[in-house]
Amino acid sequence: MPEANHEVLVVKRPRELLLVGIVLAVSVGQSVVLGEEDRAAARLEAMASFLARTPRLSVTIDSAYDVVQESGQKVQFGERRVVALRRPDRARVDVTRRDGS
């Protein structure tokens, strides 16, 4: 049975090898990030195209904030907005305010 050939790599300058490894890792990492940015841009473009073709859509927005009184009591204020759009010429916004009472 023939013997297997084994090669042994002797590293005489581990700092340089480490530096080369870091540079390679960063360059590979950057290409992965660029790939993710391309995918994100494609998804954003697809969402924009979908919304551009949609004949109707509505969005509900809830917002709230607290105000701390001098007595330490918290009072919450806020509002709910319902935005409805029907193409080509209709839009409606309903606002319901919460005044802390």
PDB file of N, CA and C in Angstrom:
ATOM      1  N   MET A   1       0.850  -1.164   0.000  1.00  0.00           N
ATOM      2  CA  MET A   1       0.000   0.000   0.000  1.00  0.00           C
ATOM      3  C   MET A   1       0.901   1.233   0.000  1.00  0.00           C
ATOM      4  N   PRO A   2       0.681   2.182  -0.943  1.00  0.00           N
ATOM      5  CA  PRO A   2       1.543   3.364  -0.989  1.00  0.00           C
ATOM      6  C   PRO A   2       1.262   4.286   0.189  1.00  0.00           C
ATOM      7  N   GLU A   3       2.311   4.963   0.631  1.00  0.00           N
ATOM      8  CA  GLU A   3       2.170   5.892   1.742  1.00  0.00           C
ATOM      9  C   GLU A   3       1.548   7.198   1.254  1.00  0.00           C
ATOM     10  N   ALA A   4       0.725   7.800   2.107  1.00  0.00           N
ATOM     11  CA  ALA A   4       0.116   9.085   1.770  1.00  0.00           C
ATOM     12  C   ALA A   4       1.144  10.181   1.952  1.00  0.00           C
ATOM     13  N   ASN A   5       1.120  11.144   1.051  1.00  0.00           N
ATOM     14  CA  ASN A   5       2.020  12.287   1.161  1.00  0.00           C
ATOM     15  C   ASN A   5       1.387  13.328   2.074  1.00  0.00           C
ATOM     16  N   HIS A   6       2.105  13.744   3.067  1.00  0.00           N
ATOM     17  CA  HIS A   6       1.646  14.780   3.986  1.00  0.00           C
ATOM     18  C   HIS A   6       2.593  15.952   3.891  1.00  0.00           C
ATOM     19  N   GLU A   7       2.025  17.135   3.774  1.00  0.00           N
ATOM     20  CA  GLU A   7       2.855  18.334   3.763  1.00  0.00           C
ATOM     21  C   GLU A   7       2.600  19.096   5.052  1.00  0.00           C
ATOM     22  N   VAL A   8       3.640  19.618   5.593  1.00  0.00           N
ATOM     23  CA  VAL A   8       3.541  20.406   6.812  1.00  0.00           C
ATOM     24  C   VAL A   8       3.901  21.834   6.459  1.00  0.00           C
ATOM     25  N   LEU A   9       3.016  22.754   6.793  1.00  0.00           N
ATOM     26  CA  LEU A   9       3.262  24.169   6.542  1.00  0.00           C
ATOM     27  C   LEU A   9       3.790  24.784   7.825  1.00  0.00           C
ATOM     28  N   VAL A  10       4.961  25.331   7.742  1.00  0.00           N
ATOM     29  CA  VAL A  10       5.564  25.971   8.897  1.00  0.00           C
ATOM     30  C   VAL A  10       5.389  27.477   8.730  1.00  0.00           C
ATOM     31  N   VAL A  11       4.719  28.096   9.684  1.00  0.00           N
ATOM     32  CA  VAL A  11       4.485  29.535   9.639  1.00  0.00           C
ATOM     33  C   VAL A  11       5.592  30.207  10.424  1.00  0.00           C
ATOM     34  N   LYS A  12       6.394  30.988   9.711  1.00  0.00           N
ATOM     35  CA  LYS A  12       7.504  31.664  10.368  1.00  0.00           C
ATOM     36  C   LYS A  12       7.116  33.061  10.831  1.00  0.00           C
ATOM     37  N   ARG A  13       6.060  33.622  10.263  1.00  0.00           N
ATOM     38  CA  ARG A  13       5.634  34.975  10.620  1.00  0.00           C
ATOM     39  C   ARG A  13       4.134  34.966  10.930  1.00  0.00           C
ATOM     40  N   PRO A  14       3.762  34.571  12.127  1.00  0.00           N
ATOM     41  CA  PRO A  14       2.336  34.464  12.445  1.00  0.00           C
ATOM     42  C   PRO A  14       1.608  35.805  12.409  1.00  0.00           C
ATOM     43  N   ARG A  15       2.296  36.912  12.700  1.00  0.00           N
ATOM     44  CA  ARG A  15       1.623  38.216  12.661  1.00  0.00           C
ATOM     45  C   ARG A  15       1.179  38.561  11.247  1.00  0.00           C
ATOM     46  N   GLU A  16       2.054  38.324  10.268  1.00  0.00           N
ATOM     47  CA  GLU A  16       1.693  38.617   8.885  1.00  0.00           C
ATOM     48  C   GLU A  16       0.542  37.727   8.429  1.00  0.00           C
ATOM     49  N   LEU A  17       0.572  36.471   8.833  1.00  0.00           N
ATOM     50  CA  LEU A  17      -0.502  35.555   8.471  1.00  0.00           C
ATOM     51  C   LEU A  17      -1.823  36.003   9.093  1.00  0.00           C
ATOM     52  N   LEU A  18      -1.770  36.445  10.334  1.00  0.00           N
ATOM     53  CA  LEU A  18      -2.967  36.946  11.001  1.00  0.00           C
ATOM     54  C   LEU A  18      -3.499  38.181  10.289  1.00  0.00           C
ATOM     55  N   LEU A  19      -2.603  39.076   9.888  1.00  0.00           N
ATOM     56  CA  LEU A  19      -3.008  40.287   9.177  1.00  0.00           C
ATOM     57  C   LEU A  19      -3.667  39.943   7.842  1.00  0.00           C
ATOM     58  N   VAL A  20      -3.081  38.997   7.105  1.00  0.00           N
ATOM     59  CA  VAL A  20      -3.673  38.575   5.835  1.00  0.00           C
ATOM     60  C   VAL A  20      -5.052  37.963   6.077  1.00  0.00           C
ATOM     61  N   GLY A  21      -5.187  37.167   7.128  1.00  0.00           N
ATOM     62  CA  GLY A  21      -6.486  36.570   7.457  1.00  0.00           C
ATOM     63  C   GLY A  21      -7.533  37.622   7.771  1.00  0.00           C
ATOM     64  N   ILE A  22      -7.145  38.648   8.516  1.00  0.00           N
ATOM     65  CA  ILE A  22      -8.087  39.719   8.855  1.00  0.00           C
ATOM     66  C   ILE A  22      -8.514  40.471   7.600  1.00  0.00           C
ATOM     67  N   VAL A  23      -7.551  40.783   6.726  1.00  0.00           N
ATOM     68  CA  VAL A  23      -7.875  41.497   5.486  1.00  0.00           C
ATOM     69  C   VAL A  23      -8.821  40.665   4.628  1.00  0.00           C
ATOM     70  N   LEU A  24      -8.566  39.369   4.515  1.00  0.00           N
ATOM     71  CA  LEU A  24      -9.456  38.503   3.734  1.00  0.00           C
ATOM     72  C   LEU A  24     -10.846  38.436   4.352  1.00  0.00           C
ATOM     73  N   ALA A  25     -10.915  38.327   5.678  1.00  0.00           N
ATOM     74  CA  ALA A  25     -12.216  38.252   6.347  1.00  0.00           C
ATOM     75  C   ALA A  25     -13.013  39.534   6.146  1.00  0.00           C
ATOM     76  N   VAL A  26     -12.343  40.679   6.231  1.00  0.00           N
ATOM     77  CA  VAL A  26     -13.033  41.955   6.038  1.00  0.00           C
ATOM     78  C   VAL A  26     -13.532  42.078   4.607  1.00  0.00           C
ATOM     79  N   SER A  27     -12.713  41.682   3.634  1.00  0.00           N
ATOM     80  CA  SER A  27     -13.144  41.805   2.239  1.00  0.00           C
ATOM     81  C   SER A  27     -14.305  40.867   1.940  1.00  0.00           C
ATOM     82  N   VAL A  28     -14.289  39.661   2.492  1.00  0.00           N
ATOM     83  CA  VAL A  28     -15.412  38.743   2.309  1.00  0.00           C
ATOM     84  C   VAL A  28     -16.644  39.293   3.016  1.00  0.00           C
ATOM     85  N   GLY A  29     -16.460  39.840   4.217  1.00  0.00           N
ATOM     86  CA  GLY A  29     -17.577  40.428   4.954  1.00  0.00           C
ATOM     87  C   GLY A  29     -18.207  41.581   4.208  1.00  0.00           C
ATOM     88  N   GLN A  30     -17.383  42.414   3.558  1.00  0.00           N
ATOM     89  CA  GLN A  30     -17.926  43.532   2.796  1.00  0.00           C
ATOM     90  C   GLN A  30     -18.733  43.037   1.608  1.00  0.00           C
ATOM     91  N   SER A  31     -18.284  41.989   0.941  1.00  0.00           N
ATOM     92  CA  SER A  31     -19.047  41.484  -0.194  1.00  0.00           C
ATOM     93  C   SER A  31     -20.369  40.892   0.266  1.00  0.00           C
ATOM     94  N   VAL A  32     -20.393  40.288   1.459  1.00  0.00           N
ATOM     95  CA  VAL A  32     -21.652  39.768   2.000  1.00  0.00           C
ATOM     96  C   VAL A  32     -22.591  40.922   2.319  1.00  0.00           C
ATOM     97  N   VAL A  33     -22.054  42.001   2.911  1.00  0.00           N
ATOM     98  CA  VAL A  33     -22.886  43.157   3.231  1.00  0.00           C
ATOM     99  C   VAL A  33     -23.436  43.775   1.957  1.00  0.00           C
ATOM    100  N   LEU A  34     -22.605  43.893   0.920  1.00  0.00           N
ATOM    101  CA  LEU A  34     -23.095  44.446  -0.336  1.00  0.00           C
ATOM    102  C   LEU A  34     -24.187  43.562  -0.917  1.00  0.00           C
ATOM    103  N   GLY A  35     -24.053  42.252  -0.794  1.00  0.00           N
ATOM    104  CA  GLY A  35     -25.100  41.354  -1.256  1.00  0.00           C
ATOM    105  C   GLY A  35     -26.388  41.569  -0.488  1.00  0.00           C
ATOM    106  N   GLU A  36     -26.285  41.790   0.823  1.00  0.00           N
ATOM    107  CA  GLU A  36     -27.476  42.055   1.634  1.00  0.00           C
ATOM    108  C   GLU A  36     -28.102  43.383   1.240  1.00  0.00           C
ATOM    109  N   GLU A  37     -27.281  44.393   0.950  1.00  0.00           N
ATOM    110  CA  GLU A  37     -27.815  45.685   0.521  1.00  0.00           C
ATOM    111  C   GLU A  37     -28.552  45.549  -0.809  1.00  0.00           C
ATOM    112  N   ASP A  38     -28.004  44.737  -1.716  1.00  0.00           N
ATOM    113  CA  ASP A  38     -28.673  44.523  -3.000  1.00  0.00           C
ATOM    114  C   ASP A  38     -30.023  43.843  -2.800  1.00  0.00           C
ATOM    115  N   ARG A  39     -30.070  42.846  -1.912  1.00  0.00           N
ATOM    116  CA  ARG A  39     -31.339  42.164  -1.642  1.00  0.00           C
ATOM    117  C   ARG A  39     -32.328  43.110  -0.982  1.00  0.00           C
ATOM    118  N   ALA A  40     -31.847  43.939  -0.063  1.00  0.00           N
ATOM    119  CA  ALA A  40     -32.730  44.896   0.607  1.00  0.00           C
ATOM    120  C   ALA A  40     -33.281  45.905  -0.396  1.00  0.00           C
ATOM    121  N   ALA A  41     -32.430  46.384  -1.294  1.00  0.00           N
ATOM    122  CA  ALA A  41     -32.884  47.336  -2.311  1.00  0.00           C
ATOM    123  C   ALA A  41     -33.914  46.691  -3.234  1.00  0.00           C
ATOM    124  N   ALA A  42     -33.708  45.427  -3.585  1.00  0.00           N
ATOM    125  CA  ALA A  42     -34.664  44.728  -4.447  1.00  0.00           C
ATOM    126  C   ALA A  42     -36.006  44.558  -3.741  1.00  0.00           C
ATOM    127  N   ARG A  43     -35.980  44.237  -2.449  1.00  0.00           N
ATOM    128  CA  ARG A  43     -37.239  44.104  -1.701  1.00  0.00           C
ATOM    129  C   ARG A  43     -37.965  45.434  -1.594  1.00  0.00           C
ATOM    130  N   LEU A  44     -37.213  46.500  -1.348  1.00  0.00           N
ATOM    131  CA  LEU A  44     -37.818  47.825  -1.255  1.00  0.00           C
ATOM    132  C   LEU A  44     -38.440  48.225  -2.590  1.00  0.00           C
ATOM    133  N   GLU A  45     -37.760  47.923  -3.676  1.00  0.00           N
ATOM    134  CA  GLU A  45     -38.294  48.208  -5.014  1.00  0.00           C
ATOM    135  C   GLU A  45     -39.568  47.409  -5.271  1.00  0.00           C
ATOM    136  N   ALA A  46     -39.588  46.147  -4.849  1.00  0.00           N
ATOM    137  CA  ALA A  46     -40.782  45.316  -5.031  1.00  0.00           C
ATOM    138  C   ALA A  46     -41.955  45.864  -4.224  1.00  0.00           C
ATOM    139  N   MET A  47     -41.696  46.315  -2.988  1.00  0.00           N
ATOM    140  CA  MET A  47     -42.773  46.891  -2.174  1.00  0.00           C
ATOM    141  C   MET A  47     -43.309  48.166  -2.807  1.00  0.00           C
ATOM    142  N   ALA A  48     -42.411  49.021  -3.305  1.00  0.00           N
ATOM    143  CA  ALA A  48     -42.842  50.270  -3.938  1.00  0.00           C
ATOM    144  C   ALA A  48     -43.673  49.983  -5.184  1.00  0.00           C
ATOM    145  N   SER A  49     -43.270  48.994  -5.974  1.00  0.00           N
ATOM    146  CA  SER A  49     -44.038  48.629  -7.170  1.00  0.00           C
ATOM    147  C   SER A  49     -45.417  48.103  -6.791  1.00  0.00           C
ATOM    148  N   PHE A  50     -45.477  47.288  -5.740  1.00  0.00           N
ATOM    149  CA  PHE A  50     -46.761  46.760  -5.275  1.00  0.00           C
ATOM    150  C   PHE A  50     -47.691  47.893  -4.852  1.00  0.00           C
ATOM    151  N   LEU A  51     -47.165  48.839  -4.060  1.00  0.00           N
ATOM    152  CA  LEU A  51     -47.990  49.963  -3.610  1.00  0.00           C
ATOM    153  C   LEU A  51     -48.423  50.846  -4.778  1.00  0.00           C
ATOM    154  N   ALA A  52     -47.567  51.000  -5.780  1.00  0.00           N
ATOM    155  CA  ALA A  52     -47.920  51.820  -6.941  1.00  0.00           C
ATOM    156  C   ALA A  52     -49.071  51.198  -7.734  1.00  0.00           C
ATOM    157  N   ARG A  53     -49.178  49.865  -7.743  1.00  0.00           N
ATOM    158  CA  ARG A  53     -50.243  49.179  -8.491  1.00  0.00           C
ATOM    159  C   ARG A  53     -51.516  48.983  -7.675  1.00  0.00           C
ATOM    160  N   THR A  54     -51.451  49.162  -6.362  1.00  0.00           N
ATOM    161  CA  THR A  54     -52.590  48.886  -5.493  1.00  0.00           C
ATOM    162  C   THR A  54     -53.669  49.949  -5.674  1.00  0.00           C
ATOM    163  N   PRO A  55     -54.911  49.543  -5.993  1.00  0.00           N
ATOM    164  CA  PRO A  55     -55.969  50.537  -6.197  1.00  0.00           C
ATOM    165  C   PRO A  55     -56.498  51.125  -4.887  1.00  0.00           C
ATOM    166  N   ARG A  56     -56.403  50.364  -3.791  1.00  0.00           N
ATOM    167  CA  ARG A  56     -56.888  50.832  -2.490  1.00  0.00           C
ATOM    168  C   ARG A  56     -55.910  50.414  -1.409  1.00  0.00           C
ATOM    169  N   LEU A  57     -55.774  51.279  -0.406  1.00  0.00           N
ATOM    170  CA  LEU A  57     -54.992  50.897   0.762  1.00  0.00           C
ATOM    171  C   LEU A  57     -55.397  51.765   1.936  1.00  0.00           C
ATOM    172  N   SER A  58     -55.163  51.238   3.135  1.00  0.00           N
ATOM    173  CA  SER A  58     -55.425  52.016   4.343  1.00  0.00           C
ATOM    174  C   SER A  58     -54.361  51.690   5.381  1.00  0.00           C
ATOM    175  N   VAL A  59     -54.095  52.679   6.222  1.00  0.00           N
ATOM    176  CA  VAL A  59     -53.089  52.556   7.262  1.00  0.00           C
ATOM    177  C   VAL A  59     -53.671  53.135   8.540  1.00  0.00           C
ATOM    178  N   THR A  60     -53.466  52.450   9.657  1.00  0.00           N
ATOM    179  CA  THR A  60     -53.875  52.965  10.961  1.00  0.00           C
ATOM    180  C   THR A  60     -52.625  53.305  11.751  1.00  0.00           C
ATOM    181  N   ILE A  61     -52.573  54.533  12.256  1.00  0.00           N
ATOM    182  CA  ILE A  61     -51.407  55.016  12.991  1.00  0.00           C
ATOM    183  C   ILE A  61     -51.846  55.365  14.405  1.00  0.00           C
ATOM    184  N   ASP A  62     -51.261  54.709  15.393  1.00  0.00           N
ATOM    185  CA  ASP A  62     -51.514  55.024  16.799  1.00  0.00           C
ATOM    186  C   ASP A  62     -50.275  55.703  17.359  1.00  0.00           C
ATOM    187  N   SER A  63     -50.463  56.834  18.004  1.00  0.00           N
ATOM    188  CA  SER A  63     -49.333  57.490  18.665  1.00  0.00           C
ATOM    189  C   SER A  63     -49.779  57.915  20.058  1.00  0.00           C
ATOM    190  N   ALA A  64     -48.844  57.859  20.993  1.00  0.00           N
ATOM    191  CA  ALA A  64     -49.169  58.209  22.377  1.00  0.00           C
ATOM    192  C   ALA A  64     -47.921  58.726  23.072  1.00  0.00           C
ATOM    193  N   TYR A  65     -48.138  59.569  24.064  1.00  0.00           N
ATOM    194  CA  TYR A  65     -47.046  60.025  24.913  1.00  0.00           C
ATOM    195  C   TYR A  65     -47.601  60.329  26.294  1.00  0.00           C
ATOM    196  N   ASP A  66     -46.738  60.226  27.298  1.00  0.00           N
ATOM    197  CA  ASP A  66     -47.123  60.479  28.685  1.00  0.00           C
ATOM    198  C   ASP A  66     -46.564  61.819  29.140  1.00  0.00           C
ATOM    199  N   VAL A  67     -47.344  62.496  29.977  1.00  0.00           N
ATOM    200  CA  VAL A  67     -46.892  63.723  30.616  1.00  0.00           C
ATOM    201  C   VAL A  67     -46.948  63.482  32.118  1.00  0.00           C
ATOM    202  N   VAL A  68     -45.832  63.734  32.793  1.00  0.00           N
ATOM    203  CA  VAL A  68     -45.782  63.554  34.243  1.00  0.00           C
ATOM    204  C   VAL A  68     -46.152  64.881  34.900  1.00  0.00           C
ATOM    205  N   GLN A  69     -47.207  64.838  35.709  1.00  0.00           N
ATOM    206  CA  GLN A  69     -47.674  66.029  36.413  1.00  0.00           C
ATOM    207  C   GLN A  69     -46.760  66.318  37.608  1.00  0.00           C
ATOM    208  N   GLU A  70     -46.900  67.508  38.185  1.00  0.00           N
ATOM    209  CA  GLU A  70     -46.101  67.863  39.359  1.00  0.00           C
ATOM    210  C   GLU A  70     -46.357  66.905  40.518  1.00  0.00           C
ATOM    211  N   SER A  71     -47.559  66.347  40.572  1.00  0.00           N
ATOM    212  CA  SER A  71     -47.902  65.407  41.641  1.00  0.00           C
ATOM    213  C   SER A  71     -47.271  64.031  41.427  1.00  0.00           C
ATOM    214  N   GLY A  72     -46.669  63.806  40.240  1.00  0.00           N
ATOM    215  CA  GLY A  72     -46.076  62.509  39.929  1.00  0.00           C
ATOM    216  C   GLY A  72     -46.989  61.615  39.112  1.00  0.00           C
ATOM    217  N   GLN A  73     -48.244  62.024  38.955  1.00  0.00           N
ATOM    218  CA  GLN A  73     -49.200  61.236  38.181  1.00  0.00           C
ATOM    219  C   GLN A  73     -48.887  61.373  36.689  1.00  0.00           C
ATOM    220  N   LYS A  74     -48.991  60.250  35.976  1.00  0.00           N
ATOM    221  CA  LYS A  74     -48.787  60.265  34.529  1.00  0.00           C
ATOM    222  C   LYS A  74     -50.128  60.395  33.829  1.00  0.00           C
ATOM    223  N   VAL A  75     -50.183  61.280  32.832  1.00  0.00           N
ATOM    224  CA  VAL A  75     -51.377  61.451  32.015  1.00  0.00           C
ATOM    225  C   VAL A  75     -50.976  61.145  30.575  1.00  0.00           C
ATOM    226  N   GLN A  76     -51.745  60.260  29.935  1.00  0.00           N
ATOM    227  CA  GLN A  76     -51.412  59.859  28.572  1.00  0.00           C
ATOM    228  C   GLN A  76     -52.236  60.646  27.559  1.00  0.00           C
ATOM    229  N   PHE A  77     -51.554  61.157  26.550  1.00  0.00           N
ATOM    230  CA  PHE A  77     -52.184  61.832  25.426  1.00  0.00           C
ATOM    231  C   PHE A  77     -51.856  61.037  24.170  1.00  0.00           C
ATOM    232  N   GLY A  78     -52.648  61.220  23.146  1.00  0.00           N
ATOM    233  CA  GLY A  78     -52.341  60.535  21.898  1.00  0.00           C
ATOM    234  C   GLY A  78     -53.448  60.698  20.889  1.00  0.00           C
ATOM    235  N   GLU A  79     -53.303  59.949  19.808  1.00  0.00           N
ATOM    236  CA  GLU A  79     -54.314  59.978  18.761  1.00  0.00           C
ATOM    237  C   GLU A  79     -54.197  58.741  17.890  1.00  0.00           C
ATOM    238  N   ARG A  80     -55.275  58.461  17.204  1.00  0.00           N
ATOM    239  CA  ARG A  80     -55.311  57.391  16.208  1.00  0.00           C
ATOM    240  C   ARG A  80     -55.731  58.033  14.895  1.00  0.00           C
ATOM    241  N   ARG A  81     -54.960  57.766  13.859  1.00  0.00           N
ATOM    242  CA  ARG A  81     -55.289  58.263  12.523  1.00  0.00           C
ATOM    243  C   ARG A  81     -55.498  57.067  11.606  1.00  0.00           C
ATOM    244  N   VAL A  82     -56.589  57.099  10.882  1.00  0.00           N
ATOM    245  CA  VAL A  82     -56.856  56.085   9.870  1.00  0.00           C
ATOM    246  C   VAL A  82     -56.795  56.800   8.526  1.00  0.00           C
ATOM    247  N   VAL A  83     -55.821  56.420   7.724  1.00  0.00           N
ATOM    248  CA  VAL A  83     -55.616  57.026   6.412  1.00  0.00           C
ATOM    249  C   VAL A  83     -56.074  56.013   5.373  1.00  0.00           C
ATOM    250  N   ALA A  84     -57.025  56.423   4.525  1.00  0.00           N
ATOM    251  CA  ALA A  84     -57.543  55.546   3.477  1.00  0.00           C
ATOM    252  C   ALA A  84     -57.336  56.223   2.128  1.00  0.00           C
ATOM    253  N   LEU A  85     -56.920  55.437   1.146  1.00  0.00           N
ATOM    254  CA  LEU A  85     -56.652  55.955  -0.188  1.00  0.00           C
ATOM    255  C   LEU A  85     -57.330  55.053  -1.207  1.00  0.00           C
ATOM    256  N   ARG A  86     -58.056  55.661  -2.138  1.00  0.00           N
ATOM    257  CA  ARG A  86     -58.638  54.921  -3.256  1.00  0.00           C
ATOM    258  C   ARG A  86     -58.259  55.672  -4.518  1.00  0.00           C
ATOM    259  N   ARG A  87     -57.531  55.010  -5.362  1.00  0.00           N
ATOM    260  CA  ARG A  87     -57.038  55.655  -6.580  1.00  0.00           C
ATOM    261  C   ARG A  87     -58.157  55.788  -7.587  1.00  0.00           C
ATOM    262  N   PRO A  88     -58.188  56.779  -8.391  1.00  0.00           N
ATOM    263  CA  PRO A  88     -57.152  57.788  -8.595  1.00  0.00           C
ATOM    264  C   PRO A  88     -57.389  59.081  -7.828  1.00  0.00           C
ATOM    265  N   ASP A  89     -58.564  59.249  -7.184  1.00  0.00           N
ATOM    266  CA  ASP A  89     -58.869  60.598  -6.709  1.00  0.00           C
ATOM    267  C   ASP A  89     -59.499  60.675  -5.322  1.00  0.00           C
ATOM    268  N   ARG A  90     -59.357  59.670  -4.493  1.00  0.00           N
ATOM    269  CA  ARG A  90     -60.002  59.723  -3.183  1.00  0.00           C
ATOM    270  C   ARG A  90     -58.990  59.452  -2.072  1.00  0.00           C
ATOM    271  N   ALA A  91     -59.078  60.284  -1.025  1.00  0.00           N
ATOM    272  CA  ALA A  91     -58.252  60.098   0.167  1.00  0.00           C
ATOM    273  C   ALA A  91     -59.049  60.573   1.367  1.00  0.00           C
ATOM    274  N   ARG A  92     -58.859  59.895   2.493  1.00  0.00           N
ATOM    275  CA  ARG A  92     -59.580  60.267   3.707  1.00  0.00           C
ATOM    276  C   ARG A  92     -58.677  60.019   4.905  1.00  0.00           C
ATOM    277  N   VAL A  93     -58.730  60.954   5.873  1.00  0.00           N
ATOM    278  CA  VAL A  93     -57.980  60.810   7.115  1.00  0.00           C
ATOM    279  C   VAL A  93     -58.941  61.052   8.262  1.00  0.00           C
ATOM    280  N   ASP A  94     -59.130  60.044   9.119  1.00  0.00           N
ATOM    281  CA  ASP A  94     -59.951  60.181  10.323  1.00  0.00           C
ATOM    282  C   ASP A  94     -59.017  60.243  11.525  1.00  0.00           C
ATOM    283  N   VAL A  95     -59.236  61.245  12.395  1.00  0.00           N
ATOM    284  CA  VAL A  95     -58.383  61.435  13.565  1.00  0.00           C
ATOM    285  C   VAL A  95     -59.239  61.334  14.814  1.00  0.00           C
ATOM    286  N   THR A  96     -58.810  60.497  15.764  1.00  0.00           N
ATOM    287  CA  THR A  96     -59.449  60.397  17.073  1.00  0.00           C
ATOM    288  C   THR A  96     -58.394  60.733  18.109  1.00  0.00           C
ATOM    289  N   ARG A  97     -58.605  61.825  18.839  1.00  0.00           N
ATOM    290  CA  ARG A  97     -57.612  62.272  19.822  1.00  0.00           C
ATOM    291  C   ARG A  97     -57.958  61.756  21.211  1.00  0.00           C
ATOM    292  N   ARG A  98     -56.913  61.445  21.969  1.00  0.00           N
ATOM    293  CA  ARG A  98     -57.049  61.098  23.384  1.00  0.00           C
ATOM    294  C   ARG A  98     -56.392  62.223  24.171  1.00  0.00           C
ATOM    295  N   ASP A  99     -57.184  62.902  24.985  1.00  0.00           N
ATOM    296  CA  ASP A  99     -56.679  64.097  25.660  1.00  0.00           C
ATOM    297  C   ASP A  99     -56.311  63.875  27.117  1.00  0.00           C
ATOM    298  N   GLY A 100     -56.184  62.652  27.533  1.00  0.00           N
ATOM    299  CA  GLY A 100     -55.754  62.385  28.895  1.00  0.00           C
ATOM    300  C   GLY A 100     -56.876  62.311  29.904  1.00  0.00           C
ATOM    301  N   SER A 101     -58.110  62.471  29.471  1.00  0.00           N
ATOM    302  CA  SER A 101     -59.220  62.422  30.433  1.00  0.00           C
ATOM    303  C   SER A 101     -59.734  61.016  30.617  1.00  0.00           C
TER     304      SER A 101
END
